């Protein structure tokens, strides 16, 4: 009977771990693609996912704030991406899946590029 409490603890711990990881399809239209272009405001290089925050000028000339959810920093570091790869003010182009709630201006980032120096990441597994 001493193993029963241990078994219960393992089941609870594994359930919490599974619940912590979500499907991107729950938050984004993974079968669709959009591209936005603008100025990087902030790059958050943190777990569980890095985030790119941008200021984008829409068709009417108004500034819109967008957030793009990227990969886990562990994965990004394997591709040579660090917290210093992107800087506020960088002009970037982001392609990804749009968020299910259009009013949030969120994207699941699939590709990012910085035209000033030709740096790119994505659509083929890493930087180019």
N, C-alpha and C. Protein backbone atom coordinates (compact mmCIF):
# COMPACT_ATOMS: atom_id res chain seq x y z
N UNK A 1 0.80 -1.21 0.00
CA UNK A 1 0.00 0.00 0.00
C UNK A 1 0.84 1.27 0.00
N UNK A 2 2.14 1.15 0.32
CA UNK A 2 2.99 2.33 0.34
C UNK A 2 3.21 2.87 -1.07
N UNK A 3 3.06 2.03 -2.08
CA UNK A 3 3.28 2.50 -3.45
C UNK A 3 2.07 3.27 -3.99
N UNK A 4 0.90 3.10 -3.38
CA UNK A 4 -0.29 3.78 -3.88
C UNK A 4 -0.16 5.31 -3.82
N UNK A 5 0.28 5.89 -2.68
CA UNK A 5 0.46 7.36 -2.67
C UNK A 5 1.49 7.82 -3.71
N UNK A 6 2.54 7.04 -3.92
CA UNK A 6 3.53 7.39 -4.92
C UNK A 6 2.92 7.37 -6.32
N UNK A 7 2.10 6.37 -6.58
CA UNK A 7 1.42 6.27 -7.88
C UNK A 7 0.51 7.47 -8.10
N UNK A 8 -0.24 7.85 -7.09
CA UNK A 8 -1.13 9.02 -7.18
C UNK A 8 -0.31 10.28 -7.47
N UNK A 9 0.80 10.45 -6.79
CA UNK A 9 1.65 11.64 -7.00
C UNK A 9 2.20 11.68 -8.42
N UNK A 10 2.59 10.53 -8.95
CA UNK A 10 3.10 10.49 -10.33
C UNK A 10 2.02 10.83 -11.34
N UNK A 11 0.82 10.34 -11.13
CA UNK A 11 -0.30 10.63 -12.04
C UNK A 11 -0.62 12.12 -12.02
N UNK A 12 -0.68 12.71 -10.84
CA UNK A 12 -0.96 14.15 -10.72
C UNK A 12 0.14 14.97 -11.38
N UNK A 13 1.38 14.62 -11.15
CA UNK A 13 2.51 15.36 -11.75
C UNK A 13 2.50 15.26 -13.27
N UNK A 14 2.22 14.10 -13.79
CA UNK A 14 2.21 13.96 -15.25
C UNK A 14 1.03 14.69 -15.86
N UNK A 15 -0.10 14.73 -15.18
CA UNK A 15 -1.26 15.46 -15.69
C UNK A 15 -0.97 16.95 -15.74
N UNK A 16 -0.29 17.46 -14.72
CA UNK A 16 0.06 18.89 -14.71
C UNK A 16 1.01 19.21 -15.83
N UNK A 17 1.94 18.32 -16.12
CA UNK A 17 2.89 18.54 -17.20
C UNK A 17 2.19 18.58 -18.55
N UNK A 18 1.28 17.67 -18.78
CA UNK A 18 0.55 17.63 -20.04
C UNK A 18 -0.33 18.86 -20.18
N UNK A 19 -0.98 19.28 -19.11
CA UNK A 19 -1.86 20.45 -19.17
C UNK A 19 -1.07 21.71 -19.46
N UNK A 20 0.21 21.76 -19.10
CA UNK A 20 1.02 22.95 -19.32
C UNK A 20 1.37 23.18 -20.78
N UNK A 21 1.33 22.15 -21.60
CA UNK A 21 1.64 22.31 -23.01
C UNK A 21 0.34 22.31 -23.80
N UNK A 22 0.16 23.33 -24.60
CA UNK A 22 -1.09 23.48 -25.33
C UNK A 22 -0.88 23.27 -26.82
N UNK A 23 -1.96 23.04 -27.50
CA UNK A 23 -1.92 22.94 -28.95
C UNK A 23 -2.04 24.34 -29.53
N UNK A 24 -1.15 24.68 -30.45
CA UNK A 24 -1.24 25.99 -31.09
C UNK A 24 -2.55 26.14 -31.85
N UNK A 25 -3.09 25.04 -32.35
CA UNK A 25 -4.35 25.08 -33.10
C UNK A 25 -5.51 25.58 -32.25
N UNK A 26 -5.40 25.51 -30.95
CA UNK A 26 -6.46 26.01 -30.07
C UNK A 26 -6.50 27.54 -30.08
N UNK A 27 -5.38 28.17 -30.42
CA UNK A 27 -5.27 29.63 -30.37
C UNK A 27 -5.06 30.30 -31.72
N UNK A 28 -4.64 29.51 -32.71
CA UNK A 28 -4.30 30.08 -34.02
C UNK A 28 -4.93 29.25 -35.13
N UNK A 29 -5.20 29.90 -36.27
CA UNK A 29 -5.66 29.20 -37.47
C UNK A 29 -4.42 28.66 -38.18
N UNK A 30 -4.01 27.45 -37.81
CA UNK A 30 -2.77 26.88 -38.32
C UNK A 30 -2.81 26.58 -39.82
N UNK A 31 -3.99 26.56 -40.41
CA UNK A 31 -4.11 26.28 -41.85
C UNK A 31 -4.10 27.58 -42.67
N UNK A 32 -3.90 28.72 -42.01
CA UNK A 32 -3.87 30.02 -42.69
C UNK A 32 -2.52 30.68 -42.45
N UNK A 33 -2.20 31.65 -43.30
CA UNK A 33 -0.93 32.36 -43.17
C UNK A 33 -1.14 33.85 -43.43
N UNK A 34 -0.50 34.67 -42.62
CA UNK A 34 -0.49 36.12 -42.81
C UNK A 34 0.94 36.62 -42.69
N UNK A 35 1.20 37.76 -43.28
CA UNK A 35 2.51 38.39 -43.18
C UNK A 35 2.31 39.83 -42.74
N UNK A 36 3.08 40.24 -41.73
CA UNK A 36 3.05 41.62 -41.27
C UNK A 36 4.47 42.16 -41.29
N UNK A 37 4.56 43.47 -41.41
CA UNK A 37 5.86 44.12 -41.50
C UNK A 37 5.83 45.35 -40.63
N UNK A 38 6.87 45.53 -39.84
CA UNK A 38 6.90 46.71 -38.99
C UNK A 38 8.16 46.79 -38.15
N UNK A 39 8.07 47.62 -37.11
CA UNK A 39 9.20 47.88 -36.24
C UNK A 39 9.08 47.03 -34.98
N UNK A 40 10.18 46.35 -34.63
CA UNK A 40 10.21 45.55 -33.42
C UNK A 40 10.20 46.48 -32.21
N UNK A 41 9.28 46.22 -31.30
CA UNK A 41 9.18 47.01 -30.08
C UNK A 41 9.92 46.30 -28.95
N UNK A 42 9.64 45.00 -28.78
CA UNK A 42 10.26 44.21 -27.72
C UNK A 42 10.43 42.77 -28.19
N UNK A 43 11.52 42.15 -27.78
CA UNK A 43 11.74 40.73 -28.01
C UNK A 43 11.90 40.08 -26.64
N UNK A 44 10.94 39.22 -26.27
CA UNK A 44 10.99 38.51 -24.99
C UNK A 44 11.49 37.09 -25.24
N UNK A 45 12.66 36.80 -24.74
CA UNK A 45 13.32 35.51 -24.91
C UNK A 45 13.17 34.75 -23.60
N UNK A 46 11.98 34.14 -23.41
CA UNK A 46 11.71 33.46 -22.16
C UNK A 46 10.85 32.23 -22.40
N UNK A 47 10.85 31.32 -21.43
CA UNK A 47 10.04 30.11 -21.51
C UNK A 47 8.62 30.43 -21.06
N UNK A 48 7.62 29.75 -21.57
CA UNK A 48 7.75 28.59 -22.44
C UNK A 48 7.95 28.95 -23.92
N UNK A 49 7.61 30.18 -24.32
CA UNK A 49 7.79 30.59 -25.71
C UNK A 49 8.33 32.01 -25.75
N UNK A 50 9.18 32.27 -26.72
CA UNK A 50 9.65 33.63 -26.96
C UNK A 50 8.53 34.41 -27.65
N UNK A 51 8.53 35.72 -27.48
CA UNK A 51 7.52 36.58 -28.09
C UNK A 51 8.20 37.75 -28.79
N UNK A 52 7.66 38.12 -29.95
CA UNK A 52 8.09 39.29 -30.70
C UNK A 52 6.92 40.27 -30.69
N UNK A 53 7.16 41.49 -30.20
CA UNK A 53 6.13 42.51 -30.18
C UNK A 53 6.50 43.57 -31.20
N UNK A 54 5.53 43.91 -32.05
CA UNK A 54 5.80 44.82 -33.17
C UNK A 54 4.79 45.94 -33.24
N UNK A 55 5.21 47.04 -33.84
CA UNK A 55 4.33 48.14 -34.19
C UNK A 55 4.20 48.12 -35.71
N UNK A 56 2.98 47.98 -36.19
CA UNK A 56 2.70 47.81 -37.62
C UNK A 56 1.76 48.92 -38.08
N UNK A 57 2.05 49.52 -39.21
CA UNK A 57 1.17 50.53 -39.78
C UNK A 57 0.17 49.83 -40.70
N UNK A 58 -1.13 49.99 -40.41
CA UNK A 58 -2.14 49.32 -41.22
C UNK A 58 -2.45 50.11 -42.49
N UNK A 59 -3.36 49.61 -43.30
CA UNK A 59 -3.68 50.22 -44.59
C UNK A 59 -4.19 51.66 -44.46
N UNK A 60 -4.80 51.99 -43.33
CA UNK A 60 -5.31 53.35 -43.13
C UNK A 60 -4.26 54.30 -42.57
N UNK A 61 -3.07 53.77 -42.27
CA UNK A 61 -2.00 54.59 -41.72
C UNK A 61 -1.94 54.59 -40.21
N UNK A 62 -2.84 53.85 -39.57
CA UNK A 62 -2.86 53.79 -38.10
C UNK A 62 -1.85 52.75 -37.60
N UNK A 63 -1.27 53.04 -36.45
CA UNK A 63 -0.33 52.11 -35.82
C UNK A 63 -1.13 51.02 -35.09
N UNK A 64 -0.75 49.77 -35.32
CA UNK A 64 -1.34 48.63 -34.63
C UNK A 64 -0.22 47.88 -33.91
N UNK A 65 -0.52 47.37 -32.73
CA UNK A 65 0.45 46.58 -31.98
C UNK A 65 0.15 45.10 -32.22
N UNK A 66 1.16 44.33 -32.57
CA UNK A 66 1.03 42.90 -32.81
C UNK A 66 1.97 42.14 -31.90
N UNK A 67 1.57 40.92 -31.55
CA UNK A 67 2.46 40.02 -30.82
C UNK A 67 2.55 38.72 -31.60
N UNK A 68 3.76 38.19 -31.67
CA UNK A 68 3.99 36.94 -32.40
C UNK A 68 4.63 35.93 -31.45
N UNK A 69 3.94 34.82 -31.25
CA UNK A 69 4.43 33.77 -30.36
C UNK A 69 5.38 32.89 -31.15
N UNK A 70 6.60 32.74 -30.64
CA UNK A 70 7.66 32.03 -31.33
C UNK A 70 7.88 30.69 -30.66
N UNK A 71 9.01 30.11 -30.85
CA UNK A 71 9.36 28.80 -30.28
C UNK A 71 9.95 28.96 -28.88
N UNK A 72 10.22 27.83 -28.25
CA UNK A 72 10.86 27.80 -26.95
C UNK A 72 12.32 28.25 -27.09
N UNK A 73 12.83 29.03 -26.14
CA UNK A 73 14.23 29.47 -26.22
C UNK A 73 15.24 28.33 -26.37
N UNK A 74 14.97 27.16 -25.82
CA UNK A 74 15.89 26.03 -26.00
C UNK A 74 16.01 25.68 -27.48
N UNK A 75 14.89 25.61 -28.16
CA UNK A 75 14.91 25.32 -29.60
C UNK A 75 15.60 26.46 -30.36
N UNK A 76 15.26 27.69 -30.02
CA UNK A 76 15.85 28.84 -30.71
C UNK A 76 17.36 28.88 -30.53
N UNK A 77 17.84 28.54 -29.33
CA UNK A 77 19.29 28.57 -29.10
C UNK A 77 20.01 27.56 -29.98
N UNK A 78 19.36 26.44 -30.27
CA UNK A 78 19.98 25.45 -31.18
C UNK A 78 20.12 26.02 -32.59
N UNK A 79 19.29 27.01 -32.93
CA UNK A 79 19.37 27.67 -34.23
C UNK A 79 20.24 28.93 -34.18
N UNK A 80 20.92 29.14 -33.05
CA UNK A 80 21.81 30.29 -32.93
C UNK A 80 21.12 31.57 -32.50
N UNK A 81 19.87 31.50 -32.09
CA UNK A 81 19.12 32.69 -31.67
C UNK A 81 19.34 32.91 -30.18
N UNK A 82 19.70 34.13 -29.82
CA UNK A 82 19.90 34.50 -28.42
C UNK A 82 18.99 35.67 -28.08
N UNK A 83 19.03 36.07 -26.84
CA UNK A 83 18.22 37.22 -26.41
C UNK A 83 18.65 38.50 -27.11
N UNK A 84 19.84 38.50 -27.71
CA UNK A 84 20.37 39.69 -28.38
C UNK A 84 20.23 39.65 -29.90
N UNK A 85 19.58 38.62 -30.45
CA UNK A 85 19.45 38.50 -31.90
C UNK A 85 18.62 39.62 -32.50
N UNK A 86 17.56 39.99 -31.81
CA UNK A 86 16.67 41.05 -32.28
C UNK A 86 16.70 42.21 -31.30
N UNK A 87 16.66 43.42 -31.83
CA UNK A 87 16.72 44.62 -31.00
C UNK A 87 15.53 45.52 -31.30
N UNK A 88 15.10 46.25 -30.29
CA UNK A 88 14.04 47.24 -30.48
C UNK A 88 14.45 48.18 -31.61
N UNK A 89 13.51 48.46 -32.50
CA UNK A 89 13.78 49.32 -33.64
C UNK A 89 14.09 48.57 -34.92
N UNK A 90 14.44 47.28 -34.82
CA UNK A 90 14.69 46.48 -36.03
C UNK A 90 13.44 46.46 -36.89
N UNK A 91 13.62 46.63 -38.19
CA UNK A 91 12.52 46.46 -39.14
C UNK A 91 12.46 44.97 -39.45
N UNK A 92 11.30 44.34 -39.17
CA UNK A 92 11.15 42.90 -39.36
C UNK A 92 9.89 42.58 -40.15
N UNK A 93 9.92 41.42 -40.79
CA UNK A 93 8.77 40.88 -41.51
C UNK A 93 8.48 39.53 -40.88
N UNK A 94 7.25 39.35 -40.41
CA UNK A 94 6.84 38.12 -39.74
C UNK A 94 5.73 37.46 -40.54
N UNK A 95 5.89 36.16 -40.75
CA UNK A 95 4.85 35.36 -41.40
C UNK A 95 4.45 34.26 -40.42
N UNK A 96 3.15 34.02 -40.32
CA UNK A 96 2.69 32.99 -39.41
C UNK A 96 1.19 32.80 -39.49
N UNK A 97 0.69 32.03 -38.56
CA UNK A 97 -0.74 31.72 -38.50
C UNK A 97 -1.45 32.78 -37.66
N UNK A 98 -2.57 33.33 -38.18
CA UNK A 98 -3.29 34.35 -37.42
C UNK A 98 -4.00 33.77 -36.20
N UNK A 99 -4.16 34.60 -35.19
CA UNK A 99 -4.87 34.19 -33.99
C UNK A 99 -6.35 34.02 -34.24
N UNK A 100 -6.98 33.17 -33.48
CA UNK A 100 -8.41 32.91 -33.61
C UNK A 100 -9.24 34.11 -33.19
N UNK A 101 -8.70 34.96 -32.31
CA UNK A 101 -9.39 36.18 -31.90
C UNK A 101 -8.70 37.34 -32.62
N UNK A 102 -9.30 37.79 -33.71
CA UNK A 102 -8.68 38.82 -34.56
C UNK A 102 -8.37 40.11 -33.80
N UNK A 103 -9.14 40.44 -32.79
CA UNK A 103 -8.93 41.66 -32.04
C UNK A 103 -7.66 41.67 -31.21
N UNK A 104 -7.06 40.51 -31.01
CA UNK A 104 -5.83 40.44 -30.21
C UNK A 104 -4.57 40.69 -31.03
N UNK A 105 -4.65 40.67 -32.36
CA UNK A 105 -3.48 40.89 -33.22
C UNK A 105 -2.32 39.97 -32.84
N UNK A 106 -2.62 38.68 -32.73
CA UNK A 106 -1.60 37.69 -32.38
C UNK A 106 -1.33 36.78 -33.57
N UNK A 107 -0.07 36.34 -33.66
CA UNK A 107 0.36 35.46 -34.74
C UNK A 107 1.22 34.36 -34.14
N UNK A 108 1.08 33.15 -34.66
CA UNK A 108 2.01 32.06 -34.33
C UNK A 108 3.13 32.14 -35.35
N UNK A 109 4.27 32.63 -34.96
CA UNK A 109 5.39 32.92 -35.85
C UNK A 109 5.95 31.66 -36.50
N UNK A 110 6.02 31.68 -37.82
CA UNK A 110 6.60 30.58 -38.60
C UNK A 110 7.88 31.01 -39.31
N UNK A 111 7.97 32.31 -39.61
CA UNK A 111 9.15 32.85 -40.29
C UNK A 111 9.32 34.30 -39.89
N UNK A 112 10.57 34.71 -39.73
CA UNK A 112 10.88 36.11 -39.43
C UNK A 112 12.12 36.48 -40.22
N UNK A 113 12.12 37.70 -40.72
CA UNK A 113 13.31 38.18 -41.42
C UNK A 113 13.57 39.63 -41.08
N UNK A 114 14.84 40.00 -41.19
CA UNK A 114 15.29 41.36 -40.96
C UNK A 114 15.96 41.79 -42.26
N UNK A 115 15.24 42.51 -43.13
CA UNK A 115 15.76 42.86 -44.45
C UNK A 115 17.06 43.67 -44.43
N UNK A 116 17.31 44.43 -43.39
CA UNK A 116 18.50 45.29 -43.34
C UNK A 116 19.79 44.52 -43.55
N UNK A 117 19.86 43.29 -43.02
CA UNK A 117 21.09 42.51 -43.17
C UNK A 117 20.85 41.13 -43.79
N UNK A 118 19.60 40.86 -44.21
CA UNK A 118 19.29 39.59 -44.86
C UNK A 118 19.09 38.41 -43.92
N UNK A 119 19.08 38.66 -42.60
CA UNK A 119 18.89 37.59 -41.64
C UNK A 119 17.47 37.03 -41.73
N UNK A 120 17.35 35.69 -41.68
CA UNK A 120 16.04 35.03 -41.73
C UNK A 120 16.04 33.82 -40.80
N UNK A 121 14.85 33.47 -40.33
CA UNK A 121 14.65 32.25 -39.57
C UNK A 121 13.30 31.66 -39.98
N UNK A 122 13.25 30.33 -40.11
CA UNK A 122 11.98 29.64 -40.30
C UNK A 122 11.79 29.03 -41.65
N UNK A 123 10.61 28.46 -41.84
CA UNK A 123 10.18 27.80 -43.08
C UNK A 123 11.27 26.90 -43.63
N UNK A 124 11.68 25.96 -42.84
CA UNK A 124 12.74 25.07 -43.29
C UNK A 124 13.67 24.73 -42.15
N UNK A 125 13.29 25.14 -40.97
CA UNK A 125 13.99 24.68 -39.80
C UNK A 125 15.19 25.46 -39.36
N UNK A 126 15.09 26.73 -39.27
CA UNK A 126 16.18 27.47 -38.66
C UNK A 126 16.55 28.72 -39.41
N UNK A 127 17.68 29.25 -39.01
CA UNK A 127 18.12 30.51 -39.61
C UNK A 127 18.73 30.26 -40.98
N UNK A 128 18.76 31.35 -41.77
CA UNK A 128 19.35 31.28 -43.10
C UNK A 128 20.21 32.50 -43.33
